[in-house]
């Protein structure tokens, strides 16, 4: 497990894309139901349809906040690894 600390003096939000964050075989994406209106022009009818979808997760760090017990795969996410390189986030041992 990883522990990360926000060194910045402002809130930070990072996207956790499926390919990187869920790479250990455990999907952590958020399931949602998307509703939309479907119109069949040939038949001249409309109706509401729904489909299930998974959205990539995100994480929010408040100013100076430390989050522990994060999965190691979070370090593979481009936004997180970039923030560590810029020293906005630090990995706490």
PDB file of N, CA and C in Angstrom:
ATOM      1  N   UNK A   1       0.844  -1.185   0.000  1.00  0.00           N
ATOM      2  CA  UNK A   1       0.000   0.000   0.000  1.00  0.00           C
ATOM      3  C   UNK A   1       0.887   1.245   0.000  1.00  0.00           C
ATOM      4  N   UNK A   2       0.345   2.314  -0.557  1.00  0.00           N
ATOM      5  CA  UNK A   2       1.106   3.557  -0.687  1.00  0.00           C
ATOM      6  C   UNK A   2       0.466   4.649   0.172  1.00  0.00           C
ATOM      7  N   UNK A   3       1.303   5.583   0.608  1.00  0.00           N
ATOM      8  CA  UNK A   3       0.842   6.758   1.336  1.00  0.00           C
ATOM      9  C   UNK A   3       1.366   7.977   0.596  1.00  0.00           C
ATOM     10  N   UNK A   4       0.457   8.912   0.265  1.00  0.00           N
ATOM     11  CA  UNK A   4       0.832  10.119  -0.460  1.00  0.00           C
ATOM     12  C   UNK A   4       0.407  11.353   0.314  1.00  0.00           C
ATOM     13  N   UNK A   5       1.240  12.394   0.243  1.00  0.00           N
ATOM     14  CA  UNK A   5       0.941  13.658   0.927  1.00  0.00           C
ATOM     15  C   UNK A   5       0.954  14.792  -0.084  1.00  0.00           C
ATOM     16  N   UNK A   6      -0.059  15.647  -0.005  1.00  0.00           N
ATOM     17  CA  UNK A   6      -0.149  16.836  -0.850  1.00  0.00           C
ATOM     18  C   UNK A   6       0.704  17.934  -0.220  1.00  0.00           C
ATOM     19  N   UNK A   7       1.745  18.346  -0.905  1.00  0.00           N
ATOM     20  CA  UNK A   7       2.632  19.393  -0.386  1.00  0.00           C
ATOM     21  C   UNK A   7       2.170  20.779  -0.793  1.00  0.00           C
ATOM     22  N   UNK A   8       1.220  20.852  -1.701  1.00  0.00           N
ATOM     23  CA  UNK A   8       0.790  22.154  -2.190  1.00  0.00           C
ATOM     24  C   UNK A   8      -0.150  22.820  -1.187  1.00  0.00           C
ATOM     25  N   UNK A   9      -0.318  24.112  -1.342  1.00  0.00           N
ATOM     26  CA  UNK A   9      -1.196  24.862  -0.438  1.00  0.00           C
ATOM     27  C   UNK A   9      -2.594  25.004  -1.016  1.00  0.00           C
ATOM     28  N   UNK A  10      -2.923  24.119  -1.962  1.00  0.00           N
ATOM     29  CA  UNK A  10      -4.256  24.152  -2.546  1.00  0.00           C
ATOM     30  C   UNK A  10      -4.758  22.731  -2.785  1.00  0.00           C
ATOM     31  N   UNK A  11      -6.049  22.622  -2.971  1.00  0.00           N
ATOM     32  CA  UNK A  11      -6.668  21.328  -3.242  1.00  0.00           C
ATOM     33  C   UNK A  11      -6.224  20.822  -4.606  1.00  0.00           C
ATOM     34  N   UNK A  12      -5.986  19.524  -4.712  1.00  0.00           N
ATOM     35  CA  UNK A  12      -5.555  18.913  -5.964  1.00  0.00           C
ATOM     36  C   UNK A  12      -6.494  17.757  -6.298  1.00  0.00           C
ATOM     37  N   UNK A  13      -6.901  17.663  -7.559  1.00  0.00           N
ATOM     38  CA  UNK A  13      -7.716  16.552  -8.042  1.00  0.00           C
ATOM     39  C   UNK A  13      -6.957  15.849  -9.148  1.00  0.00           C
ATOM     40  N   UNK A  14      -6.891  14.526  -9.073  1.00  0.00           N
ATOM     41  CA  UNK A  14      -6.152  13.739 -10.056  1.00  0.00           C
ATOM     42  C   UNK A  14      -7.065  12.663 -10.635  1.00  0.00           C
ATOM     43  N   UNK A  15      -6.984  12.497 -11.963  1.00  0.00           N
ATOM     44  CA  UNK A  15      -7.721  11.426 -12.638  1.00  0.00           C
ATOM     45  C   UNK A  15      -6.943  10.128 -12.502  1.00  0.00           C
ATOM     46  N   UNK A  16      -7.669   9.038 -12.340  1.00  0.00           N
ATOM     47  CA  UNK A  16      -7.069   7.714 -12.204  1.00  0.00           C
ATOM     48  C   UNK A  16      -7.607   6.828 -13.331  1.00  0.00           C
ATOM     49  N   UNK A  17      -6.967   6.870 -14.512  1.00  0.00           N
ATOM     50  CA  UNK A  17      -7.492   6.123 -15.654  1.00  0.00           C
ATOM     51  C   UNK A  17      -7.481   4.611 -15.437  1.00  0.00           C
ATOM     52  N   UNK A  18      -8.457   3.956 -16.040  1.00  0.00           N
ATOM     53  CA  UNK A  18      -8.638   2.511 -15.852  1.00  0.00           C
ATOM     54  C   UNK A  18      -7.382   1.720 -16.192  1.00  0.00           C
ATOM     55  N   UNK A  19      -6.745   2.026 -17.322  1.00  0.00           N
ATOM     56  CA  UNK A  19      -5.589   1.239 -17.777  1.00  0.00           C
ATOM     57  C   UNK A  19      -4.467   1.190 -16.741  1.00  0.00           C
ATOM     58  N   UNK A  20      -4.248   2.282 -16.040  1.00  0.00           N
ATOM     59  CA  UNK A  20      -3.162   2.326 -15.047  1.00  0.00           C
ATOM     60  C   UNK A  20      -3.642   1.917 -13.654  1.00  0.00           C
ATOM     61  N   UNK A  21      -4.755   2.485 -13.209  1.00  0.00           N
ATOM     62  CA  UNK A  21      -5.200   2.302 -11.825  1.00  0.00           C
ATOM     63  C   UNK A  21      -5.739   0.904 -11.568  1.00  0.00           C
ATOM     64  N   UNK A  22      -6.344   0.287 -12.568  1.00  0.00           N
ATOM     65  CA  UNK A  22      -6.940  -1.034 -12.390  1.00  0.00           C
ATOM     66  C   UNK A  22      -6.061  -2.135 -12.984  1.00  0.00           C
ATOM     67  N   UNK A  23      -4.769  -1.890 -13.112  1.00  0.00           N
ATOM     68  CA  UNK A  23      -3.871  -2.819 -13.801  1.00  0.00           C
ATOM     69  C   UNK A  23      -3.548  -4.077 -12.997  1.00  0.00           C
ATOM     70  N   UNK A  24      -3.944  -4.122 -11.735  1.00  0.00           N
ATOM     71  CA  UNK A  24      -3.659  -5.313 -10.923  1.00  0.00           C
ATOM     72  C   UNK A  24      -4.793  -6.334 -10.961  1.00  0.00           C
ATOM     73  N   UNK A  25      -5.736  -6.148 -11.883  1.00  0.00           N
ATOM     74  CA  UNK A  25      -6.836  -7.102 -12.033  1.00  0.00           C
ATOM     75  C   UNK A  25      -8.070  -6.763 -11.228  1.00  0.00           C
ATOM     76  N   UNK A  26      -7.996  -5.756 -10.370  1.00  0.00           N
ATOM     77  CA  UNK A  26      -9.144  -5.346  -9.569  1.00  0.00           C
ATOM     78  C   UNK A  26      -9.645  -4.004 -10.103  1.00  0.00           C
ATOM     79  N   UNK A  27     -10.824  -3.985 -10.708  1.00  0.00           N
ATOM     80  CA  UNK A  27     -11.362  -2.757 -11.291  1.00  0.00           C
ATOM     81  C   UNK A  27     -11.926  -1.870 -10.178  1.00  0.00           C
ATOM     82  N   UNK A  28     -11.423  -0.646 -10.123  1.00  0.00           N
ATOM     83  CA  UNK A  28     -11.867   0.320  -9.112  1.00  0.00           C
ATOM     84  C   UNK A  28     -12.684   1.451  -9.733  1.00  0.00           C
ATOM     85  N   UNK A  29     -13.104   1.257 -10.989  1.00  0.00           N
ATOM     86  CA  UNK A  29     -13.907   2.274 -11.660  1.00  0.00           C
ATOM     87  C   UNK A  29     -15.289   2.350 -11.013  1.00  0.00           C
ATOM     88  N   UNK A  30     -15.969   3.455 -11.246  1.00  0.00           N
ATOM     89  CA  UNK A  30     -17.268   3.708 -10.628  1.00  0.00           C
ATOM     90  C   UNK A  30     -18.377   3.329 -11.611  1.00  0.00           C
ATOM     91  N   UNK A  31     -19.251   2.372 -11.246  1.00  0.00           N
ATOM     92  CA  UNK A  31     -20.349   2.016 -12.152  1.00  0.00           C
ATOM     93  C   UNK A  31     -21.450   3.079 -12.124  1.00  0.00           C
ATOM     94  N   UNK A  32     -21.923   3.472 -13.304  1.00  0.00           N
ATOM     95  CA  UNK A  32     -23.021   4.439 -13.410  1.00  0.00           C
ATOM     96  C   UNK A  32     -24.016   3.935 -14.445  1.00  0.00           C
ATOM     97  N   UNK A  33     -25.239   4.419 -14.335  1.00  0.00           N
ATOM     98  CA  UNK A  33     -26.258   4.132 -15.333  1.00  0.00           C
ATOM     99  C   UNK A  33     -26.511   5.413 -16.105  1.00  0.00           C
ATOM    100  N   UNK A  34     -26.360   5.328 -17.411  1.00  0.00           N
ATOM    101  CA  UNK A  34     -26.527   6.488 -18.274  1.00  0.00           C
ATOM    102  C   UNK A  34     -27.890   6.371 -18.967  1.00  0.00           C
ATOM    103  N   UNK A  35     -28.751   7.385 -18.799  1.00  0.00           N
ATOM    104  CA  UNK A  35     -30.078   7.398 -19.417  1.00  0.00           C
ATOM    105  C   UNK A  35     -30.057   8.371 -20.594  1.00  0.00           C
ATOM    106  N   UNK A  36     -30.695   7.988 -21.664  1.00  0.00           N
ATOM    107  CA  UNK A  36     -30.758   8.868 -22.831  1.00  0.00           C
ATOM    108  C   UNK A  36     -32.039   8.600 -23.610  1.00  0.00           C
ATOM    109  N   UNK A  37     -32.435   9.589 -24.422  1.00  0.00           N
ATOM    110  CA  UNK A  37     -33.627   9.461 -25.256  1.00  0.00           C
ATOM    111  C   UNK A  37     -33.199   8.898 -26.594  1.00  0.00           C
ATOM    112  N   UNK A  38     -33.876   7.833 -26.991  1.00  0.00           N
ATOM    113  CA  UNK A  38     -33.605   7.192 -28.271  1.00  0.00           C
ATOM    114  C   UNK A  38     -34.775   7.465 -29.200  1.00  0.00           C
ATOM    115  N   UNK A  39     -34.468   7.965 -30.397  1.00  0.00           N
ATOM    116  CA  UNK A  39     -35.526   8.238 -31.380  1.00  0.00           C
ATOM    117  C   UNK A  39     -35.293   7.377 -32.611  1.00  0.00           C
ATOM    118  N   UNK A  40     -36.284   6.585 -32.940  1.00  0.00           N
ATOM    119  CA  UNK A  40     -36.229   5.752 -34.142  1.00  0.00           C
ATOM    120  C   UNK A  40     -36.981   6.502 -35.234  1.00  0.00           C
ATOM    121  N   UNK A  41     -36.231   7.135 -36.144  1.00  0.00           N
ATOM    122  CA  UNK A  41     -36.844   7.966 -37.185  1.00  0.00           C
ATOM    123  C   UNK A  41     -37.707   7.133 -38.136  1.00  0.00           C
ATOM    124  N   UNK A  42     -37.271   5.920 -38.432  1.00  0.00           N
ATOM    125  CA  UNK A  42     -38.027   5.071 -39.360  1.00  0.00           C
ATOM    126  C   UNK A  42     -39.395   4.704 -38.793  1.00  0.00           C
ATOM    127  N   UNK A  43     -39.442   4.387 -37.533  1.00  0.00           N
ATOM    128  CA  UNK A  43     -40.710   3.993 -36.899  1.00  0.00           C
ATOM    129  C   UNK A  43     -41.460   5.195 -36.351  1.00  0.00           C
ATOM    130  N   UNK A  44     -40.761   6.324 -36.182  1.00  0.00           N
ATOM    131  CA  UNK A  44     -41.397   7.528 -35.655  1.00  0.00           C
ATOM    132  C   UNK A  44     -41.700   7.466 -34.172  1.00  0.00           C
ATOM    133  N   UNK A  45     -40.915   6.689 -33.419  1.00  0.00           N
ATOM    134  CA  UNK A  45     -41.149   6.571 -31.974  1.00  0.00           C
ATOM    135  C   UNK A  45     -39.895   6.991 -31.200  1.00  0.00           C
ATOM    136  N   UNK A  46     -40.137   7.469 -30.006  1.00  0.00           N
ATOM    137  CA  UNK A  46     -39.053   7.826 -29.087  1.00  0.00           C
ATOM    138  C   UNK A  46     -39.220   7.070 -27.791  1.00  0.00           C
ATOM    139  N   UNK A  47     -38.137   6.868 -27.116  1.00  0.00           N
ATOM    140  CA  UNK A  47     -38.206   6.195 -25.825  1.00  0.00           C
ATOM    141  C   UNK A  47     -36.932   6.445 -25.033  1.00  0.00           C
ATOM    142  N   UNK A  48     -37.005   6.157 -23.777  1.00  0.00           N
ATOM    143  CA  UNK A  48     -35.844   6.325 -22.905  1.00  0.00           C
ATOM    144  C   UNK A  48     -35.119   4.984 -22.815  1.00  0.00           C
ATOM    145  N   UNK A  49     -33.838   5.045 -22.992  1.00  0.00           N
ATOM    146  CA  UNK A  49     -33.016   3.842 -22.889  1.00  0.00           C
ATOM    147  C   UNK A  49     -31.952   4.073 -21.813  1.00  0.00           C
ATOM    148  N   UNK A  50     -31.406   3.004 -21.314  1.00  0.00           N
ATOM    149  CA  UNK A  50     -30.369   3.101 -20.289  1.00  0.00           C
ATOM    150  C   UNK A  50     -29.253   2.113 -20.619  1.00  0.00           C
ATOM    151  N   UNK A  51     -28.045   2.493 -20.228  1.00  0.00           N
ATOM    152  CA  UNK A  51     -26.931   1.564 -20.378  1.00  0.00           C
ATOM    153  C   UNK A  51     -25.985   1.727 -19.195  1.00  0.00           C
ATOM    154  N   UNK A  52     -25.416   0.615 -18.819  1.00  0.00           N
ATOM    155  CA  UNK A  52     -24.452   0.602 -17.713  1.00  0.00           C
ATOM    156  C   UNK A  52     -23.077   0.951 -18.267  1.00  0.00           C
ATOM    157  N   UNK A  53     -22.320   1.723 -17.490  1.00  0.00           N
ATOM    158  CA  UNK A  53     -21.007   2.158 -17.913  1.00  0.00           C
ATOM    159  C   UNK A  53     -20.115   2.284 -16.689  1.00  0.00           C
ATOM    160  N   UNK A  54     -18.831   2.130 -16.859  1.00  0.00           N
ATOM    161  CA  UNK A  54     -17.879   2.359 -15.772  1.00  0.00           C
ATOM    162  C   UNK A  54     -17.099   3.629 -16.047  1.00  0.00           C
ATOM    163  N   UNK A  55     -17.025   4.512 -15.063  1.00  0.00           N
ATOM    164  CA  UNK A  55     -16.251   5.741 -15.183  1.00  0.00           C
ATOM    165  C   UNK A  55     -14.957   5.592 -14.397  1.00  0.00           C
ATOM    166  N   UNK A  56     -13.901   6.114 -14.963  1.00  0.00           N
ATOM    167  CA  UNK A  56     -12.622   6.092 -14.253  1.00  0.00           C
ATOM    168  C   UNK A  56     -12.753   6.866 -12.943  1.00  0.00           C
ATOM    169  N   UNK A  57     -11.986   6.453 -11.970  1.00  0.00           N
ATOM    170  CA  UNK A  57     -12.037   7.090 -10.654  1.00  0.00           C
ATOM    171  C   UNK A  57     -11.180   8.356 -10.639  1.00  0.00           C
ATOM    172  N   UNK A  58     -11.291   9.114  -9.581  1.00  0.00           N
ATOM    173  CA  UNK A  58     -10.441  10.278  -9.343  1.00  0.00           C
ATOM    174  C   UNK A  58     -10.186  10.349  -7.840  1.00  0.00           C
ATOM    175  N   UNK A  59      -9.201  11.157  -7.476  1.00  0.00           N
ATOM    176  CA  UNK A  59      -8.878  11.314  -6.054  1.00  0.00           C
ATOM    177  C   UNK A  59      -8.625  12.791  -5.786  1.00  0.00           C
ATOM    178  N   UNK A  60      -9.098  13.267  -4.651  1.00  0.00           N
ATOM    179  CA  UNK A  60      -8.937  14.668  -4.257  1.00  0.00           C
ATOM    180  C   UNK A  60      -8.080  14.722  -3.003  1.00  0.00           C
ATOM    181  N   UNK A  61      -7.058  15.558  -3.036  1.00  0.00           N
ATOM    182  CA  UNK A  61      -6.218  15.823  -1.872  1.00  0.00           C
ATOM    183  C   UNK A  61      -6.469  17.256  -1.430  1.00  0.00           C
ATOM    184  N   UNK A  62      -6.841  17.446  -0.183  1.00  0.00           N
ATOM    185  CA  UNK A  62      -6.950  18.792   0.363  1.00  0.00           C
ATOM    186  C   UNK A  62      -5.551  19.326   0.634  1.00  0.00           C
ATOM    187  N   UNK A  63      -5.432  20.587   0.868  1.00  0.00           N
ATOM    188  CA  UNK A  63      -4.136  21.207   1.134  1.00  0.00           C
ATOM    189  C   UNK A  63      -3.455  20.533   2.328  1.00  0.00           C
ATOM    190  N   UNK A  64      -2.269  19.999   2.107  1.00  0.00           N
ATOM    191  CA  UNK A  64      -1.507  19.362   3.175  1.00  0.00           C
ATOM    192  C   UNK A  64      -2.011  17.992   3.598  1.00  0.00           C
ATOM    193  N   UNK A  65      -3.002  17.464   2.936  1.00  0.00           N
ATOM    194  CA  UNK A  65      -3.603  16.187   3.345  1.00  0.00           C
ATOM    195  C   UNK A  65      -2.707  14.996   3.002  1.00  0.00           C
ATOM    196  N   UNK A  66      -2.727  14.005   3.872  1.00  0.00           N
ATOM    197  CA  UNK A  66      -2.032  12.743   3.647  1.00  0.00           C
ATOM    198  C   UNK A  66      -3.078  11.645   3.539  1.00  0.00           C
ATOM    199  N   UNK A  67      -2.966  10.840   2.496  1.00  0.00           N
ATOM    200  CA  UNK A  67      -3.876   9.698   2.316  1.00  0.00           C
ATOM    201  C   UNK A  67      -3.036   8.433   2.376  1.00  0.00           C
ATOM    202  N   UNK A  68      -3.481   7.504   3.213  1.00  0.00           N
ATOM    203  CA  UNK A  68      -2.736   6.248   3.333  1.00  0.00           C
ATOM    204  C   UNK A  68      -3.601   5.083   2.855  1.00  0.00           C
ATOM    205  N   UNK A  69      -3.014   3.906   2.816  1.00  0.00           N
ATOM    206  CA  UNK A  69      -3.688   2.678   2.354  1.00  0.00           C
ATOM    207  C   UNK A  69      -4.181   2.781   0.914  1.00  0.00           C
ATOM    208  N   UNK A  70      -3.446   3.510   0.072  1.00  0.00           N
ATOM    209  CA  UNK A  70      -3.776   3.588  -1.348  1.00  0.00           C
ATOM    210  C   UNK A  70      -3.109   2.423  -2.066  1.00  0.00           C
ATOM    211  N   UNK A  71      -3.757   1.857  -3.074  1.00  0.00           N
ATOM    212  CA  UNK A  71      -3.131   0.745  -3.799  1.00  0.00           C
ATOM    213  C   UNK A  71      -1.870   1.221  -4.540  1.00  0.00           C
ATOM    214  N   UNK A  72      -0.884   0.355  -4.636  1.00  0.00           N
ATOM    215  CA  UNK A  72       0.383   0.700  -5.306  1.00  0.00           C
ATOM    216  C   UNK A  72       0.171   1.104  -6.758  1.00  0.00           C
ATOM    217  N   UNK A  73      -0.889   0.605  -7.386  1.00  0.00           N
ATOM    218  CA  UNK A  73      -1.118   0.937  -8.796  1.00  0.00           C
ATOM    219  C   UNK A  73      -1.392   2.418  -9.006  1.00  0.00           C
ATOM    220  N   UNK A  74      -1.722   3.153  -7.942  1.00  0.00           N
ATOM    221  CA  UNK A  74      -1.959   4.592  -8.073  1.00  0.00           C
ATOM    222  C   UNK A  74      -0.693   5.309  -8.544  1.00  0.00           C
ATOM    223  N   UNK A  75       0.462   4.740  -8.248  1.00  0.00           N
ATOM    224  CA  UNK A  75       1.728   5.358  -8.642  1.00  0.00           C
ATOM    225  C   UNK A  75       1.964   5.257 -10.148  1.00  0.00           C
ATOM    226  N   UNK A  76       1.230   4.374 -10.840  1.00  0.00           N
ATOM    227  CA  UNK A  76       1.356   4.218 -12.292  1.00  0.00           C
ATOM    228  C   UNK A  76       0.513   5.233 -13.059  1.00  0.00           C
ATOM    229  N   UNK A  77      -0.401   5.913 -12.390  1.00  0.00           N
ATOM    230  CA  UNK A  77      -1.277   6.873 -13.059  1.00  0.00           C
ATOM    231  C   UNK A  77      -0.483   8.095 -13.489  1.00  0.00           C
ATOM    232  N   UNK A  78      -0.648   8.535 -14.744  1.00  0.00           N
ATOM    233  CA  UNK A  78       0.138   9.663 -15.249  1.00  0.00           C
ATOM    234  C   UNK A  78       0.015  10.938 -14.420  1.00  0.00           C
ATOM    235  N   UNK A  79      -1.204  11.293 -13.983  1.00  0.00           N
ATOM    236  CA  UNK A  79      -1.375  12.510 -13.176  1.00  0.00           C
ATOM    237  C   UNK A  79      -0.633  12.405 -11.849  1.00  0.00           C
ATOM    238  N   UNK A  80      -0.684  11.236 -11.226  1.00  0.00           N
ATOM    239  CA  UNK A  80      -0.024  11.042  -9.929  1.00  0.00           C
ATOM    240  C   UNK A  80       1.488  11.034 -10.092  1.00  0.00           C
ATOM    241  N   UNK A  81       1.998  10.280 -11.070  1.00  0.00           N
ATOM    242  CA  UNK A  81       3.457  10.231 -11.259  1.00  0.00           C
ATOM    243  C   UNK A  81       4.006  11.595 -11.656  1.00  0.00           C
ATOM    244  N   UNK A  82       3.249  12.358 -12.446  1.00  0.00           N
ATOM    245  CA  UNK A  82       3.667  13.712 -12.800  1.00  0.00           C
ATOM    246  C   UNK A  82       3.709  14.630 -11.588  1.00  0.00           C
ATOM    247  N   UNK A  83       2.713  14.510 -10.706  1.00  0.00           N
ATOM    248  CA  UNK A  83       2.678  15.336  -9.491  1.00  0.00           C
ATOM    249  C   UNK A  83       3.835  14.991  -8.552  1.00  0.00           C
ATOM    250  N   UNK A  84       4.210  13.717  -8.512  1.00  0.00           N
ATOM    251  CA  UNK A  84       5.350  13.312  -7.679  1.00  0.00           C
ATOM    252  C   UNK A  84       6.639  13.902  -8.247  1.00  0.00           C
ATOM    253  N   UNK A  85       6.778  13.879  -9.572  1.00  0.00           N
ATOM    254  CA  UNK A  85       7.973  14.463 -10.203  1.00  0.00           C
ATOM    255  C   UNK A  85       8.052  15.969  -9.972  1.00  0.00           C
ATOM    256  N   UNK A  86       6.896  16.648  -9.962  1.00  0.00           N
ATOM    257  CA  UNK A  86       6.864  18.084  -9.705  1.00  0.00           C
ATOM    258  C   UNK A  86       6.939  18.428  -8.214  1.00  0.00           C
ATOM    259  N   UNK A  87       6.959  17.374  -7.380  1.00  0.00           N
ATOM    260  CA  UNK A  87       7.022  17.512  -5.914  1.00  0.00           C
ATOM    261  C   UNK A  87       5.754  18.128  -5.327  1.00  0.00           C
ATOM    262  N   UNK A  88       4.631  18.034  -6.040  1.00  0.00           N
ATOM    263  CA  UNK A  88       3.350  18.449  -5.479  1.00  0.00           C
ATOM    264  C   UNK A  88       2.849  17.383  -4.516  1.00  0.00           C
ATOM    265  N   UNK A  89       3.105  16.122  -4.874  1.00  0.00           N
ATOM    266  CA  UNK A  89       2.801  14.984  -4.004  1.00  0.00           C
ATOM    267  C   UNK A  89       4.117  14.321  -3.621  1.00  0.00           C
ATOM    268  N   UNK A  90       4.181  13.810  -2.401  1.00  0.00           N
ATOM    269  CA  UNK A  90       5.355  13.037  -1.985  1.00  0.00           C
ATOM    270  C   UNK A  90       4.871  11.698  -1.446  1.00  0.00           C
ATOM    271  N   UNK A  91       5.650  10.681  -1.736  1.00  0.00           N
ATOM    272  CA  UNK A  91       5.360   9.343  -1.209  1.00  0.00           C
ATOM    273  C   UNK A  91       5.959   9.267   0.200  1.00  0.00           C
ATOM    274  N   UNK A  92       5.108   8.978   1.161  1.00  0.00           N
ATOM    275  CA  UNK A  92       5.532   8.867   2.561  1.00  0.00           C
ATOM    276  C   UNK A  92       5.787   7.406   2.861  1.00  0.00           C
ATOM    277  N   UNK A  93       6.934   7.109   3.430  1.00  0.00           N
ATOM    278  CA  UNK A  93       7.281   5.699   3.749  1.00  0.00           C
ATOM    279  C   UNK A  93       6.778   5.293   5.111  1.00  0.00           C
TER     280      UNK A  93
END
